[in-house]
Amino acid sequence: MTDSIFASIEADAGPRSASLFADIATRYLARSAHGDGPVSTELSPAEIARRFDEPMPRSGRPLAEIAARIDRDVLGDMNRLAHPMAMGHQVS
């Protein structure tokens, strides 16, 4: 079983996979720097946590699916410290 886990990880270790996350980061920083959207979310931590209230998967997921979920379910409610209206850039 361990061999199959490492094989699937290695299959995703390449420029194509890295570009998925580079694209997400680029869009996030562009939205933040241009002031699109709020500086922070109005959702409570409990509301955000409900998005992930599910059992851990028993097998892997396609990397594109994971990247899409990060883009959809995580980045939209992150603090945007590069946002022009953000204050207090020394976040602990």
Protein backbone atom coordinates (compact mmCIF):
# COMPACT_ATOMS: atom_id res chain seq x y z
CA MET A 1 0.00 0.00 0.00
CA THR A 2 2.81 2.41 0.82
CA ASP A 3 4.29 2.01 -2.65
CA SER A 4 1.03 3.04 -4.30
CA ILE A 5 0.76 6.13 -2.10
CA PHE A 6 4.26 7.26 -2.98
CA ALA A 7 3.73 6.48 -6.65
CA SER A 8 0.64 8.71 -6.78
CA ILE A 9 2.50 11.51 -4.97
CA GLU A 10 5.41 11.26 -7.39
CA ALA A 11 3.02 11.32 -10.35
CA ASP A 12 1.86 14.76 -9.18
CA ALA A 13 5.38 16.14 -8.65
CA GLY A 14 5.93 18.17 -11.78
CA PRO A 15 5.50 21.52 -13.48
CA ARG A 16 1.92 20.82 -14.57
CA SER A 17 0.88 20.19 -10.99
CA ALA A 18 2.81 23.18 -9.70
CA SER A 19 1.10 25.41 -12.25
CA LEU A 20 -2.32 24.55 -10.75
CA PHE A 21 -1.28 26.12 -7.47
CA ALA A 22 0.69 28.95 -9.06
CA ASP A 23 -2.46 29.91 -10.99
CA ILE A 24 -4.52 29.91 -7.79
CA ALA A 25 -1.96 32.04 -5.97
CA THR A 26 -1.72 34.47 -8.90
CA ARG A 27 -5.49 34.96 -9.04
CA TYR A 28 -5.70 35.36 -5.25
CA LEU A 29 -2.95 38.01 -5.17
CA ALA A 30 -4.41 39.85 -8.17
CA ARG A 31 -7.88 40.01 -6.58
CA SER A 32 -6.37 41.15 -3.31
CA ALA A 33 -4.06 43.80 -4.77
CA HIS A 34 -6.83 45.28 -6.93
CA GLY A 35 -9.17 45.53 -3.96
CA ASP A 36 -11.71 43.08 -5.37
CA GLY A 37 -13.84 41.62 -2.60
CA PRO A 38 -13.68 42.21 1.13
CA VAL A 39 -10.50 42.29 3.23
CA SER A 40 -11.82 39.45 5.37
CA THR A 41 -14.77 37.12 5.58
CA GLU A 42 -18.00 37.73 7.41
CA LEU A 43 -18.30 34.01 8.14
CA SER A 44 -17.57 32.61 11.59
CA PRO A 45 -14.91 29.95 12.05
CA ALA A 46 -17.71 27.43 12.67
CA GLU A 47 -19.40 28.32 9.37
CA ILE A 48 -16.15 27.84 7.49
CA ALA A 49 -15.40 24.59 9.33
CA ARG A 50 -18.75 23.14 8.22
CA ARG A 51 -17.44 23.11 4.65
CA PHE A 52 -14.99 20.45 5.72
CA ASP A 53 -17.22 18.44 8.04
CA GLU A 54 -16.78 15.17 6.23
CA PRO A 55 -14.81 11.99 6.72
CA MET A 56 -11.25 11.86 5.48
CA PRO A 57 -11.11 10.19 2.07
CA ARG A 58 -9.96 6.58 2.06
CA SER A 59 -8.12 7.09 -1.20
CA GLY A 60 -6.50 9.94 -3.07
CA ARG A 61 -8.22 12.61 -5.09
CA PRO A 62 -7.11 14.09 -8.41
CA LEU A 63 -4.85 17.06 -7.83
CA ALA A 64 -7.01 19.28 -10.04
CA GLU A 65 -9.98 18.51 -7.76
CA ILE A 66 -7.98 19.48 -4.68
CA ALA A 67 -6.78 22.71 -6.29
CA ALA A 68 -10.33 23.61 -7.31
CA ARG A 69 -11.57 23.00 -3.78
CA ILE A 70 -8.85 25.21 -2.30
CA ASP A 71 -9.78 27.94 -4.77
CA ARG A 72 -13.50 27.55 -4.07
CA ASP A 73 -13.68 26.73 -0.35
CA VAL A 74 -10.57 28.29 1.18
CA LEU A 75 -9.28 31.34 -0.65
CA GLY A 76 -12.58 33.17 -0.84
CA ASP A 77 -12.66 33.58 2.93
CA MET A 78 -8.98 34.14 3.69
CA ASN A 79 -7.73 37.42 5.04
CA ARG A 80 -6.41 39.45 2.13
CA LEU A 81 -3.37 41.14 3.62
CA ALA A 82 -2.34 42.54 0.21
CA HIS A 83 -5.75 44.24 -0.14
CA PRO A 84 -5.41 48.05 -0.32
CA MET A 85 -7.91 48.41 2.55
CA ALA A 86 -6.14 45.92 4.85
CA MET A 87 -4.64 47.29 8.05
CA GLY A 88 -2.44 45.62 10.62
CA HIS A 89 -0.04 43.78 8.37
CA GLN A 90 1.85 42.26 11.32
CA VAL A 91 -0.31 39.19 11.71
CA SER A 92 0.85 36.84 14.43
